[in-house]
Structures are given as structure tokens and as C-alpha cells.
């Protein structure tokens, strides 16, 4: 299974990338899952979906994420992550999940406001992700890179 974690501060770009990945991946497999930890629920029809609420998968919901991935039977799993997620903590959780069965790619969507007001967070997002996309969010290359070989 390939897990694609989508991080960043803004909901709309994460939702846009998630939808684009679902559109592309649904032509390759019917074993596609959405584990939604985003700040606003994603309403996407035709995809097995599990909403992870009540916290963030980088800390309070880490056990729930690990349990869900252990039971999940999918070729691809998409994980839009809460804006509150600490990039380092998330990277640590995801690293513990990497195995022959689970390959993980992390994509960070970095907006201009975050770059300007919080350069420390920007550096963390860049450090702990496999791919970064900056505004304007042109995602076609990122979509194909996220589906390709893991880091």
C-alpha cells in the first residue's frame, strides 16, 4: 500500500490535491482509501473514507492511525492532515509505519502567508516532506511524483 500524507496550513489546496489524486488513482485501482484528518471534512463520493476526528494524527490520534492502517486493505491511502500537525511528530509516526507493506510519501503545500509569518514552520514542512509545492499550487507534477517511488 502507498500512503500519501498531505500536509500544510490551508484546507483548500489540500482538498484540491486530495481530489486530484482520487480522480487519477481511481482509474488505476478500486482499492483506494481516504483517511481524513483535515480541519474541514472532505465530502468525496465513491471512496472508502474514514474521518479521524478529535485531534491530530501526529499525537492524540497516532494510535488510531496505526490501528486503521493495520486493518486497511487498499492499494493507495490518502491522508490529508490537520493544519495543527507538528511536521516532526508526524514524520516520526509515519517513519514507524514504513514497511514492505506500507510505502509512505509526504507532500507539503506551503502557502505564501506561512512562508512570510512563520519561516520556522515552513522550514519544518520542507525538512520533513518528500515533496513541497508552493503557491501558486500547480500540482500536476506533484501528483505524479507522489504516486511514484517513495523517498
Protein backbone atom coordinates (compact mmCIF):
# COMPACT_ATOMS: atom_id res chain seq x y z
CA UNK A 1 0.00 0.00 0.00
CA UNK A 2 1.19 3.51 -0.73
CA UNK A 3 0.18 6.08 1.89
CA UNK A 4 0.25 9.68 0.68
CA UNK A 5 0.17 12.19 3.54
CA UNK A 6 -0.83 15.73 2.54
CA UNK A 7 0.27 18.49 4.92
CA UNK A 8 0.09 22.28 5.04
CA UNK A 9 -1.80 25.12 6.64
CA UNK A 10 -4.55 25.81 4.07
CA UNK A 11 -7.52 23.47 3.68
CA UNK A 12 -8.47 24.28 0.07
CA UNK A 13 -5.14 23.30 -1.55
CA UNK A 14 -5.06 20.06 0.49
CA UNK A 15 -8.64 19.30 -0.60
CA UNK A 16 -7.79 20.11 -4.23
CA UNK A 17 -4.75 17.81 -4.23
CA UNK A 18 -6.70 15.05 -2.47
CA UNK A 19 -9.49 15.23 -5.06
CA UNK A 20 -7.00 15.26 -7.95
CA UNK A 21 -5.21 12.21 -6.54
CA UNK A 22 -8.53 10.39 -6.09
CA UNK A 23 -9.53 11.20 -9.66
CA UNK A 24 -6.25 9.83 -11.03
CA UNK A 25 -5.90 6.85 -8.70
CA UNK A 26 -9.49 5.69 -9.15
CA UNK A 27 -8.60 4.93 -12.78
CA UNK A 28 -5.77 2.64 -11.58
CA UNK A 29 -7.46 0.78 -8.71
CA UNK A 30 -10.75 0.35 -6.91
CA UNK A 31 -8.83 -0.23 -3.66
CA UNK A 32 -8.45 3.42 -2.68
CA UNK A 33 -8.99 4.75 0.85
CA UNK A 34 -9.28 8.22 2.36
CA UNK A 35 -8.26 8.71 6.00
CA UNK A 36 -9.42 12.27 6.60
CA UNK A 37 -7.72 14.20 9.41
CA UNK A 38 -8.15 17.57 7.70
CA UNK A 39 -9.61 20.55 9.51
CA UNK A 40 -12.79 20.53 7.41
CA UNK A 41 -14.38 17.18 6.43
CA UNK A 42 -13.84 16.22 2.81
CA UNK A 43 -17.01 15.10 1.07
CA UNK A 44 -15.87 12.76 -1.70
CA UNK A 45 -18.18 10.13 -3.16
CA UNK A 46 -17.09 6.69 -4.29
CA UNK A 47 -14.09 6.30 -1.97
CA UNK A 48 -13.78 4.27 1.21
CA UNK A 49 -13.46 7.01 3.79
CA UNK A 50 -12.65 7.17 7.50
CA UNK A 51 -12.75 10.50 9.32
CA UNK A 52 -10.11 10.79 12.07
CA UNK A 53 -11.52 13.44 14.40
CA UNK A 54 -10.83 14.71 17.89
CA UNK A 55 -7.18 15.54 17.43
CA UNK A 56 -4.24 15.15 15.13
CA UNK A 57 -2.64 12.02 13.72
CA UNK A 58 0.76 13.36 14.81
CA UNK A 59 -0.12 12.95 18.50
CA UNK A 60 -3.53 12.20 20.03
CA UNK A 61 -4.77 10.16 17.05
CA UNK A 62 -1.49 8.37 16.25
CA UNK A 63 -2.75 5.11 17.77
CA UNK A 64 -5.98 5.34 15.76
CA UNK A 65 -3.98 5.91 12.56
CA UNK A 66 -1.68 2.96 13.26
CA UNK A 67 -4.66 0.71 14.02
CA UNK A 68 -6.56 1.82 10.92
CA UNK A 69 -3.57 1.25 8.64
CA UNK A 70 -3.10 -2.21 10.12
CA UNK A 71 -6.66 -3.16 9.08
CA UNK A 72 -6.80 -1.28 5.80
CA UNK A 73 -6.90 -3.30 2.58
CA UNK A 74 -6.06 -0.76 -0.11
CA UNK A 75 -3.52 -0.11 -2.84
CA UNK A 76 -3.45 3.60 -2.02
CA UNK A 77 -4.43 5.53 1.10
CA UNK A 78 -4.66 9.32 1.19
CA UNK A 79 -4.17 11.18 4.46
CA UNK A 80 -4.95 14.91 4.43
CA UNK A 81 -3.55 16.07 7.77
CA UNK A 82 -4.74 18.77 10.18
CA UNK A 83 -3.06 22.17 9.87
CA UNK A 84 -2.16 21.80 13.56
CA UNK A 85 0.06 18.77 12.88
CA UNK A 86 3.64 19.14 14.01
CA UNK A 87 5.75 18.15 10.98
CA UNK A 88 8.44 16.48 13.11
CA UNK A 89 5.99 14.45 15.18
CA UNK A 90 4.09 13.42 12.04
CA UNK A 91 7.33 12.36 10.35
CA UNK A 92 8.20 10.24 13.38
CA UNK A 93 4.81 8.48 13.36
CA UNK A 94 4.98 7.89 9.60
CA UNK A 95 8.55 6.58 9.84
CA UNK A 96 7.38 3.99 12.37
CA UNK A 97 4.77 2.78 9.85
CA UNK A 98 7.14 2.31 6.91
CA UNK A 99 7.48 -1.34 5.95
CA UNK A 100 7.46 -3.64 2.95
CA UNK A 101 3.67 -3.41 3.06
CA UNK A 102 3.41 0.37 3.53
CA UNK A 103 5.35 2.88 1.44
CA UNK A 104 4.87 6.50 2.50
CA UNK A 105 5.13 9.77 0.62
CA UNK A 106 4.59 13.12 2.33
CA UNK A 107 3.60 16.21 0.33
CA UNK A 108 3.69 19.67 1.94
CA UNK A 109 1.66 22.52 0.49
CA UNK A 110 3.36 25.74 1.58
CA UNK A 111 1.42 28.99 1.21
CA UNK A 112 2.92 32.48 0.98
CA UNK A 113 1.46 33.66 4.30
CA UNK A 114 3.05 30.75 6.18
CA UNK A 115 6.38 31.44 4.47
CA UNK A 116 6.20 35.11 5.49
CA UNK A 117 4.80 34.85 9.01
CA UNK A 118 6.19 31.53 10.14
CA UNK A 119 9.50 30.70 8.45
CA UNK A 120 10.28 28.17 11.20
CA UNK A 121 7.17 26.14 10.32
CA UNK A 122 8.00 26.49 6.63
CA UNK A 123 11.47 25.02 7.23
CA UNK A 124 9.96 22.15 9.23
CA UNK A 125 7.42 21.39 6.48
CA UNK A 126 10.23 21.40 3.92
CA UNK A 127 12.52 19.26 6.09
CA UNK A 128 10.00 16.55 6.87
CA UNK A 129 8.32 16.09 3.49
CA UNK A 130 9.26 14.24 0.33
CA UNK A 131 7.81 16.95 -1.93
CA UNK A 132 6.88 20.59 -1.44
CA UNK A 133 4.52 22.67 -3.52
CA UNK A 134 4.41 26.43 -3.10
CA UNK A 135 1.86 28.99 -4.22
CA UNK A 136 0.55 29.10 -6.83
CA UNK A 137 -0.32 25.46 -6.25
CA UNK A 138 0.36 23.87 -9.66
CA UNK A 139 0.04 20.24 -8.70
CA UNK A 140 0.29 18.09 -11.82
CA UNK A 141 4.00 17.25 -11.32
CA UNK A 142 3.40 16.67 -7.61
CA UNK A 143 0.53 14.30 -8.29
CA UNK A 144 2.69 12.07 -10.46
CA UNK A 145 5.68 12.31 -8.12
CA UNK A 146 3.52 11.35 -5.12
CA UNK A 147 2.36 8.21 -6.90
CA UNK A 148 5.92 7.27 -7.96
CA UNK A 149 8.70 5.75 -5.92
CA UNK A 150 8.98 6.65 -2.23
CA UNK A 151 11.84 8.75 -0.90
